[in-house]
Amino acid sequence: MNGSVRGKSVHFDDCHLHVELQDGRIISTPMSWYPELQRSTLSQLKNSIFICRGTGIEWPEIDYHLSIESMLVIDVEKSVA
């Protein structure tokens, strides 16, 4: 990846984390991949900001950071969980 994957908005539902990219694509990954986010309150989840020129997401209240690019990489351990 060349670092051009930049986020526009973050949304959640009961099962997935959804990130809309600036180019219009939407990435959805299972919430089960992110135990820290699963343990968080809805208020904490809604309090996210984009960092690193839009290539990452931070949840300041829980001190959690996520690279958007990492959402695109298949992790065999996570995918079988």
PDB file of N, CA and C in Angstrom:
ATOM      1  N   MET A   1       0.854  -1.180   0.000  1.00  0.00           N
ATOM      2  CA  MET A   1       0.000   0.000   0.000  1.00  0.00           C
ATOM      3  C   MET A   1       0.895   1.237   0.000  1.00  0.00           C
ATOM      4  N   ASN A   2       0.398   2.271  -0.577  1.00  0.00           N
ATOM      5  CA  ASN A   2       1.224   3.461  -0.706  1.00  0.00           C
ATOM      6  C   ASN A   2       0.842   4.583   0.256  1.00  0.00           C
ATOM      7  N   GLY A   3      -0.017   4.290   1.242  1.00  0.00           N
ATOM      8  CA  GLY A   3      -0.395   5.306   2.209  1.00  0.00           C
ATOM      9  C   GLY A   3      -1.503   6.219   1.739  1.00  0.00           C
ATOM     10  N   SER A   4      -2.105   5.938   0.586  1.00  0.00           N
ATOM     11  CA  SER A   4      -3.155   6.817   0.072  1.00  0.00           C
ATOM     12  C   SER A   4      -4.545   6.434   0.583  1.00  0.00           C
ATOM     13  N   VAL A   5      -4.632   5.408   1.432  1.00  0.00           N
ATOM     14  CA  VAL A   5      -5.916   4.984   1.985  1.00  0.00           C
ATOM     15  C   VAL A   5      -6.234   5.900   3.157  1.00  0.00           C
ATOM     16  N   ARG A   6      -7.155   6.833   2.936  1.00  0.00           N
ATOM     17  CA  ARG A   6      -7.475   7.841   3.950  1.00  0.00           C
ATOM     18  C   ARG A   6      -8.952   7.761   4.316  1.00  0.00           C
ATOM     19  N   GLY A   7      -9.204   7.884   5.610  1.00  0.00           N
ATOM     20  CA  GLY A   7     -10.560   7.778   6.105  1.00  0.00           C
ATOM     21  C   GLY A   7     -11.345   9.063   6.026  1.00  0.00           C
ATOM     22  N   LYS A   8     -12.659   8.888   5.923  1.00  0.00           N
ATOM     23  CA  LYS A   8     -13.580  10.027   5.891  1.00  0.00           C
ATOM     24  C   LYS A   8     -14.531   9.986   7.089  1.00  0.00           C
ATOM     25  N   SER A   9     -15.029   8.772   7.425  1.00  0.00           N
ATOM     26  CA  SER A   9     -15.934   8.641   8.565  1.00  0.00           C
ATOM     27  C   SER A   9     -15.847   7.233   9.140  1.00  0.00           C
ATOM     28  N   VAL A  10     -16.263   7.113  10.403  1.00  0.00           N
ATOM     29  CA  VAL A  10     -16.243   5.842  11.128  1.00  0.00           C
ATOM     30  C   VAL A  10     -17.647   5.565  11.646  1.00  0.00           C
ATOM     31  N   HIS A  11     -18.106   4.323  11.462  1.00  0.00           N
ATOM     32  CA  HIS A  11     -19.424   3.912  11.941  1.00  0.00           C
ATOM     33  C   HIS A  11     -19.332   2.505  12.523  1.00  0.00           C
ATOM     34  N   PHE A  12     -20.260   2.176  13.401  1.00  0.00           N
ATOM     35  CA  PHE A  12     -20.319   0.856  14.013  1.00  0.00           C
ATOM     36  C   PHE A  12     -21.728   0.312  13.913  1.00  0.00           C
ATOM     37  N   ASP A  13     -21.831  -1.012  13.893  1.00  0.00           N
ATOM     38  CA  ASP A  13     -23.107  -1.653  14.154  1.00  0.00           C
ATOM     39  C   ASP A  13     -22.816  -2.763  15.170  1.00  0.00           C
ATOM     40  N   ASP A  14     -23.731  -3.651  15.391  1.00  0.00           N
ATOM     41  CA  ASP A  14     -23.539  -4.680  16.407  1.00  0.00           C
ATOM     42  C   ASP A  14     -22.365  -5.607  16.115  1.00  0.00           C
ATOM     43  N   CYS A  15     -22.025  -5.757  14.860  1.00  0.00           N
ATOM     44  CA  CYS A  15     -21.013  -6.753  14.478  1.00  0.00           C
ATOM     45  C   CYS A  15     -19.777  -6.214  13.772  1.00  0.00           C
ATOM     46  N   HIS A  16     -19.852  -5.011  13.202  1.00  0.00           N
ATOM     47  CA  HIS A  16     -18.768  -4.542  12.341  1.00  0.00           C
ATOM     48  C   HIS A  16     -18.338  -3.096  12.619  1.00  0.00           C
ATOM     49  N   LEU A  17     -17.080  -2.856  12.314  1.00  0.00           N
ATOM     50  CA  LEU A  17     -16.509  -1.516  12.259  1.00  0.00           C
ATOM     51  C   LEU A  17     -16.501  -1.138  10.779  1.00  0.00           C
ATOM     52  N   HIS A  18     -17.079  -0.015  10.436  1.00  0.00           N
ATOM     53  CA  HIS A  18     -17.151   0.458   9.049  1.00  0.00           C
ATOM     54  C   HIS A  18     -16.372   1.763   8.943  1.00  0.00           C
ATOM     55  N   VAL A  19     -15.485   1.836   7.969  1.00  0.00           N
ATOM     56  CA  VAL A  19     -14.746   3.067   7.711  1.00  0.00           C
ATOM     57  C   VAL A  19     -14.982   3.459   6.265  1.00  0.00           C
ATOM     58  N   GLU A  20     -15.564   4.635   6.072  1.00  0.00           N
ATOM     59  CA  GLU A  20     -15.728   5.172   4.728  1.00  0.00           C
ATOM     60  C   GLU A  20     -14.444   5.889   4.350  1.00  0.00           C
ATOM     61  N   LEU A  21     -13.927   5.569   3.181  1.00  0.00           N
ATOM     62  CA  LEU A  21     -12.693   6.190   2.708  1.00  0.00           C
ATOM     63  C   LEU A  21     -13.010   7.432   1.892  1.00  0.00           C
ATOM     64  N   GLN A  22     -12.022   8.284   1.750  1.00  0.00           N
ATOM     65  CA  GLN A  22     -12.217   9.527   1.001  1.00  0.00           C
ATOM     66  C   GLN A  22     -12.552   9.268  -0.455  1.00  0.00           C
ATOM     67  N   ASP A  23     -12.167   8.098  -0.979  1.00  0.00           N
ATOM     68  CA  ASP A  23     -12.477   7.796  -2.384  1.00  0.00           C
ATOM     69  C   ASP A  23     -13.854   7.145  -2.561  1.00  0.00           C
ATOM     70  N   GLY A  24     -14.619   7.013  -1.451  1.00  0.00           N
ATOM     71  CA  GLY A  24     -15.974   6.488  -1.530  1.00  0.00           C
ATOM     72  C   GLY A  24     -16.128   5.032  -1.144  1.00  0.00           C
ATOM     73  N   ARG A  25     -15.040   4.276  -1.086  1.00  0.00           N
ATOM     74  CA  ARG A  25     -15.133   2.877  -0.665  1.00  0.00           C
ATOM     75  C   ARG A  25     -15.456   2.803   0.822  1.00  0.00           C
ATOM     76  N   ILE A  26     -16.027   1.677   1.229  1.00  0.00           N
ATOM     77  CA  ILE A  26     -16.292   1.425   2.641  1.00  0.00           C
ATOM     78  C   ILE A  26     -15.631   0.104   3.014  1.00  0.00           C
ATOM     79  N   ILE A  27     -14.840   0.130   4.068  1.00  0.00           N
ATOM     80  CA  ILE A  27     -14.192  -1.067   4.596  1.00  0.00           C
ATOM     81  C   ILE A  27     -14.976  -1.491   5.830  1.00  0.00           C
ATOM     82  N   SER A  28     -15.329  -2.761   5.912  1.00  0.00           N
ATOM     83  CA  SER A  28     -16.020  -3.295   7.083  1.00  0.00           C
ATOM     84  C   SER A  28     -15.246  -4.494   7.600  1.00  0.00           C
ATOM     85  N   THR A  29     -14.962  -4.493   8.892  1.00  0.00           N
ATOM     86  CA  THR A  29     -14.274  -5.620   9.524  1.00  0.00           C
ATOM     87  C   THR A  29     -15.029  -6.001  10.789  1.00  0.00           C
ATOM     88  N   PRO A  30     -14.923  -7.268  11.197  1.00  0.00           N
ATOM     89  CA  PRO A  30     -15.639  -7.719  12.394  1.00  0.00           C
ATOM     90  C   PRO A  30     -15.143  -7.012  13.658  1.00  0.00           C
ATOM     91  N   MET A  31     -16.063  -6.618  14.507  1.00  0.00           N
ATOM     92  CA  MET A  31     -15.688  -6.007  15.785  1.00  0.00           C
ATOM     93  C   MET A  31     -14.889  -6.987  16.638  1.00  0.00           C
ATOM     94  N   SER A  32     -15.087  -8.282  16.426  1.00  0.00           N
ATOM     95  CA  SER A  32     -14.361  -9.287  17.209  1.00  0.00           C
ATOM     96  C   SER A  32     -12.854  -9.202  16.992  1.00  0.00           C
ATOM     97  N   TRP A  33     -12.424  -8.544  15.925  1.00  0.00           N
ATOM     98  CA  TRP A  33     -11.000  -8.349  15.687  1.00  0.00           C
ATOM     99  C   TRP A  33     -10.395  -7.325  16.637  1.00  0.00           C
ATOM    100  N   TYR A  34     -11.238  -6.538  17.302  1.00  0.00           N
ATOM    101  CA  TYR A  34     -10.756  -5.430  18.131  1.00  0.00           C
ATOM    102  C   TYR A  34     -11.346  -5.537  19.541  1.00  0.00           C
ATOM    103  N   PRO A  35     -10.805  -6.412  20.389  1.00  0.00           N
ATOM    104  CA  PRO A  35     -11.353  -6.588  21.745  1.00  0.00           C
ATOM    105  C   PRO A  35     -11.435  -5.282  22.533  1.00  0.00           C
ATOM    106  N   GLU A  36     -10.466  -4.398  22.325  1.00  0.00           N
ATOM    107  CA  GLU A  36     -10.474  -3.120  23.043  1.00  0.00           C
ATOM    108  C   GLU A  36     -11.713  -2.306  22.683  1.00  0.00           C
ATOM    109  N   LEU A  37     -12.087  -2.342  21.423  1.00  0.00           N
ATOM    110  CA  LEU A  37     -13.270  -1.603  20.991  1.00  0.00           C
ATOM    111  C   LEU A  37     -14.543  -2.291  21.470  1.00  0.00           C
ATOM    112  N   GLN A  38     -14.548  -3.609  21.479  1.00  0.00           N
ATOM    113  CA  GLN A  38     -15.721  -4.345  21.950  1.00  0.00           C
ATOM    114  C   GLN A  38     -16.019  -4.059  23.420  1.00  0.00           C
ATOM    115  N   ARG A  39     -14.977  -3.834  24.200  1.00  0.00           N
ATOM    116  CA  ARG A  39     -15.155  -3.558  25.632  1.00  0.00           C
ATOM    117  C   ARG A  39     -15.519  -2.105  25.917  1.00  0.00           C
ATOM    118  N   SER A  40     -15.514  -1.271  24.913  1.00  0.00           N
ATOM    119  CA  SER A  40     -15.743   0.160  25.093  1.00  0.00           C
ATOM    120  C   SER A  40     -17.231   0.495  25.063  1.00  0.00           C
ATOM    121  N   THR A  41     -17.545   1.648  25.649  1.00  0.00           N
ATOM    122  CA  THR A  41     -18.931   2.117  25.627  1.00  0.00           C
ATOM    123  C   THR A  41     -19.222   2.762  24.270  1.00  0.00           C
ATOM    124  N   LEU A  42     -20.494   2.903  23.960  1.00  0.00           N
ATOM    125  CA  LEU A  42     -20.893   3.551  22.717  1.00  0.00           C
ATOM    126  C   LEU A  42     -20.360   4.980  22.661  1.00  0.00           C
ATOM    127  N   SER A  43     -20.397   5.658  23.782  1.00  0.00           N
ATOM    128  CA  SER A  43     -19.871   7.026  23.849  1.00  0.00           C
ATOM    129  C   SER A  43     -18.379   7.057  23.508  1.00  0.00           C
ATOM    130  N   GLN A  44     -17.618   6.107  24.026  1.00  0.00           N
ATOM    131  CA  GLN A  44     -16.187   6.046  23.726  1.00  0.00           C
ATOM    132  C   GLN A  44     -15.946   5.728  22.257  1.00  0.00           C
ATOM    133  N   LEU A  45     -16.752   4.826  21.695  1.00  0.00           N
ATOM    134  CA  LEU A  45     -16.598   4.462  20.291  1.00  0.00           C
ATOM    135  C   LEU A  45     -16.901   5.633  19.363  1.00  0.00           C
ATOM    136  N   LYS A  46     -17.877   6.435  19.727  1.00  0.00           N
ATOM    137  CA  LYS A  46     -18.243   7.581  18.894  1.00  0.00           C
ATOM    138  C   LYS A  46     -17.183   8.672  18.920  1.00  0.00           C
ATOM    139  N   ASN A  47     -16.339   8.659  19.942  1.00  0.00           N
ATOM    140  CA  ASN A  47     -15.305   9.681  20.093  1.00  0.00           C
ATOM    141  C   ASN A  47     -14.017   9.224  19.405  1.00  0.00           C
ATOM    142  N   SER A  48     -14.046   9.196  18.082  1.00  0.00           N
ATOM    143  CA  SER A  48     -12.858   8.819  17.315  1.00  0.00           C
ATOM    144  C   SER A  48     -12.399  10.013  16.482  1.00  0.00           C
ATOM    145  N   ILE A  49     -11.102  10.037  16.214  1.00  0.00           N
ATOM    146  CA  ILE A  49     -10.539  11.080  15.359  1.00  0.00           C
ATOM    147  C   ILE A  49      -9.571  10.428  14.374  1.00  0.00           C
ATOM    148  N   PHE A  50      -9.435  11.042  13.210  1.00  0.00           N
ATOM    149  CA  PHE A  50      -8.450  10.556  12.250  1.00  0.00           C
ATOM    150  C   PHE A  50      -7.095  11.155  12.591  1.00  0.00           C
ATOM    151  N   ILE A  51      -6.071  10.335  12.465  1.00  0.00           N
ATOM    152  CA  ILE A  51      -4.695  10.750  12.754  1.00  0.00           C
ATOM    153  C   ILE A  51      -3.818  10.396  11.557  1.00  0.00           C
ATOM    154  N   CYS A  52      -2.601  10.847  11.584  1.00  0.00           N
ATOM    155  CA  CYS A  52      -1.611  10.525  10.546  1.00  0.00           C
ATOM    156  C   CYS A  52      -2.133  10.823   9.144  1.00  0.00           C
ATOM    157  N   ARG A  53      -2.623  12.054   8.978  1.00  0.00           N
ATOM    158  CA  ARG A  53      -3.144  12.521   7.678  1.00  0.00           C
ATOM    159  C   ARG A  53      -4.283  11.650   7.174  1.00  0.00           C
ATOM    160  N   GLY A  54      -5.092  11.157   8.102  1.00  0.00           N
ATOM    161  CA  GLY A  54      -6.276  10.389   7.732  1.00  0.00           C
ATOM    162  C   GLY A  54      -6.045   8.912   7.501  1.00  0.00           C
ATOM    163  N   THR A  55      -4.831   8.431   7.731  1.00  0.00           N
ATOM    164  CA  THR A  55      -4.533   7.020   7.487  1.00  0.00           C
ATOM    165  C   THR A  55      -4.726   6.150   8.721  1.00  0.00           C
ATOM    166  N   GLY A  56      -5.046   6.770   9.843  1.00  0.00           N
ATOM    167  CA  GLY A  56      -5.277   6.025  11.077  1.00  0.00           C
ATOM    168  C   GLY A  56      -6.437   6.616  11.855  1.00  0.00           C
ATOM    169  N   ILE A  57      -6.912   5.843  12.817  1.00  0.00           N
ATOM    170  CA  ILE A  57      -8.015   6.270  13.670  1.00  0.00           C
ATOM    171  C   ILE A  57      -7.554   6.153  15.111  1.00  0.00           C
ATOM    172  N   GLU A  58      -7.912   7.135  15.922  1.00  0.00           N
ATOM    173  CA  GLU A  58      -7.594   7.097  17.352  1.00  0.00           C
ATOM    174  C   GLU A  58      -8.886   7.243  18.145  1.00  0.00           C
ATOM    175  N   TRP A  59      -8.975   6.467  19.216  1.00  0.00           N
ATOM    176  CA  TRP A  59     -10.034   6.611  20.210  1.00  0.00           C
ATOM    177  C   TRP A  59      -9.338   7.079  21.478  1.00  0.00           C
ATOM    178  N   PRO A  60      -9.276   8.405  21.700  1.00  0.00           N
ATOM    179  CA  PRO A  60      -8.485   8.976  22.795  1.00  0.00           C
ATOM    180  C   PRO A  60      -8.884   8.477  24.184  1.00  0.00           C
ATOM    181  N   GLU A  61     -10.166   8.293  24.423  1.00  0.00           N
ATOM    182  CA  GLU A  61     -10.610   7.898  25.764  1.00  0.00           C
ATOM    183  C   GLU A  61     -10.117   6.519  26.163  1.00  0.00           C
ATOM    184  N   ILE A  62      -9.871   5.654  25.180  1.00  0.00           N
ATOM    185  CA  ILE A  62      -9.397   4.304  25.511  1.00  0.00           C
ATOM    186  C   ILE A  62      -7.957   4.089  25.058  1.00  0.00           C
ATOM    187  N   ASP A  63      -7.326   5.143  24.537  1.00  0.00           N
ATOM    188  CA  ASP A  63      -5.940   5.097  24.082  1.00  0.00           C
ATOM    189  C   ASP A  63      -5.719   3.951  23.093  1.00  0.00           C
ATOM    190  N   TYR A  64      -6.567   3.911  22.063  1.00  0.00           N
ATOM    191  CA  TYR A  64      -6.477   2.856  21.049  1.00  0.00           C
ATOM    192  C   TYR A  64      -6.287   3.495  19.683  1.00  0.00           C
ATOM    193  N   HIS A  65      -5.375   2.914  18.893  1.00  0.00           N
ATOM    194  CA  HIS A  65      -5.048   3.430  17.567  1.00  0.00           C
ATOM    195  C   HIS A  65      -5.158   2.297  16.554  1.00  0.00           C
ATOM    196  N   LEU A  66      -5.671   2.622  15.376  1.00  0.00           N
ATOM    197  CA  LEU A  66      -5.853   1.617  14.340  1.00  0.00           C
ATOM    198  C   LEU A  66      -5.451   2.198  12.989  1.00  0.00           C
ATOM    199  N   SER A  67      -4.580   1.502  12.305  1.00  0.00           N
ATOM    200  CA  SER A  67      -4.205   1.874  10.945  1.00  0.00           C
ATOM    201  C   SER A  67      -5.299   1.393   9.991  1.00  0.00           C
ATOM    202  N   ILE A  68      -5.782   2.274   9.137  1.00  0.00           N
ATOM    203  CA  ILE A  68      -6.805   1.880   8.168  1.00  0.00           C
ATOM    204  C   ILE A  68      -6.228   0.824   7.227  1.00  0.00           C
ATOM    205  N   GLU A  69      -4.993   0.963   6.862  1.00  0.00           N
ATOM    206  CA  GLU A  69      -4.348  -0.026   5.993  1.00  0.00           C
ATOM    207  C   GLU A  69      -4.384  -1.416   6.619  1.00  0.00           C
ATOM    208  N   SER A  70      -4.235  -1.505   7.942  1.00  0.00           N
ATOM    209  CA  SER A  70      -4.256  -2.816   8.608  1.00  0.00           C
ATOM    210  C   SER A  70      -5.618  -3.491   8.494  1.00  0.00           C
ATOM    211  N   MET A  71      -6.666  -2.721   8.273  1.00  0.00           N
ATOM    212  CA  MET A  71      -7.997  -3.297   8.093  1.00  0.00           C
ATOM    213  C   MET A  71      -8.097  -4.042   6.759  1.00  0.00           C
ATOM    214  N   LEU A  72      -7.218  -3.736   5.827  1.00  0.00           N
ATOM    215  CA  LEU A  72      -7.237  -4.348   4.507  1.00  0.00           C
ATOM    216  C   LEU A  72      -6.382  -5.610   4.426  1.00  0.00           C
ATOM    217  N   VAL A  73      -5.599  -5.876   5.450  1.00  0.00           N
ATOM    218  CA  VAL A  73      -4.710  -7.029   5.458  1.00  0.00           C
ATOM    219  C   VAL A  73      -5.429  -8.192   6.131  1.00  0.00           C
ATOM    220  N   ILE A  74      -5.445  -9.329   5.460  1.00  0.00           N
ATOM    221  CA  ILE A  74      -6.077 -10.519   6.018  1.00  0.00           C
ATOM    222  C   ILE A  74      -5.150 -11.105   7.070  1.00  0.00           C
ATOM    223  N   ASP A  75      -5.677 -11.236   8.279  1.00  0.00           N
ATOM    224  CA  ASP A  75      -4.937 -11.850   9.388  1.00  0.00           C
ATOM    225  C   ASP A  75      -5.602 -13.206   9.635  1.00  0.00           C
ATOM    226  N   VAL A  76      -4.873 -14.276   9.323  1.00  0.00           N
ATOM    227  CA  VAL A  76      -5.432 -15.620   9.419  1.00  0.00           C
ATOM    228  C   VAL A  76      -5.951 -15.905  10.823  1.00  0.00           C
ATOM    229  N   GLU A  77      -5.229 -15.495  11.842  1.00  0.00           N
ATOM    230  CA  GLU A  77      -5.672 -15.748  13.226  1.00  0.00           C
ATOM    231  C   GLU A  77      -6.983 -15.047  13.502  1.00  0.00           C
ATOM    232  N   LYS A  78      -7.128 -13.808  13.049  1.00  0.00           N
ATOM    233  CA  LYS A  78      -8.354 -13.058  13.296  1.00  0.00           C
ATOM    234  C   LYS A  78      -9.522 -13.621  12.482  1.00  0.00           C
ATOM    235  N   SER A  79      -9.249 -14.047  11.255  1.00  0.00           N
ATOM    236  CA  SER A  79     -10.332 -14.484  10.390  1.00  0.00           C
ATOM    237  C   SER A  79     -10.939 -15.815  10.811  1.00  0.00           C
ATOM    238  N   VAL A  80     -10.247 -16.604  11.607  1.00  0.00           N
ATOM    239  CA  VAL A  80     -10.803 -17.870  12.078  1.00  0.00           C
ATOM    240  C   VAL A  80     -11.366 -17.758  13.474  1.00  0.00           C
ATOM    241  N   ALA A  81     -11.209 -16.618  14.095  1.00  0.00           N
ATOM    242  CA  ALA A  81     -11.694 -16.432  15.471  1.00  0.00           C
ATOM    243  C   ALA A  81     -13.211 -16.385  15.521  1.00  0.00           C
TER     244      ALA A  81
END
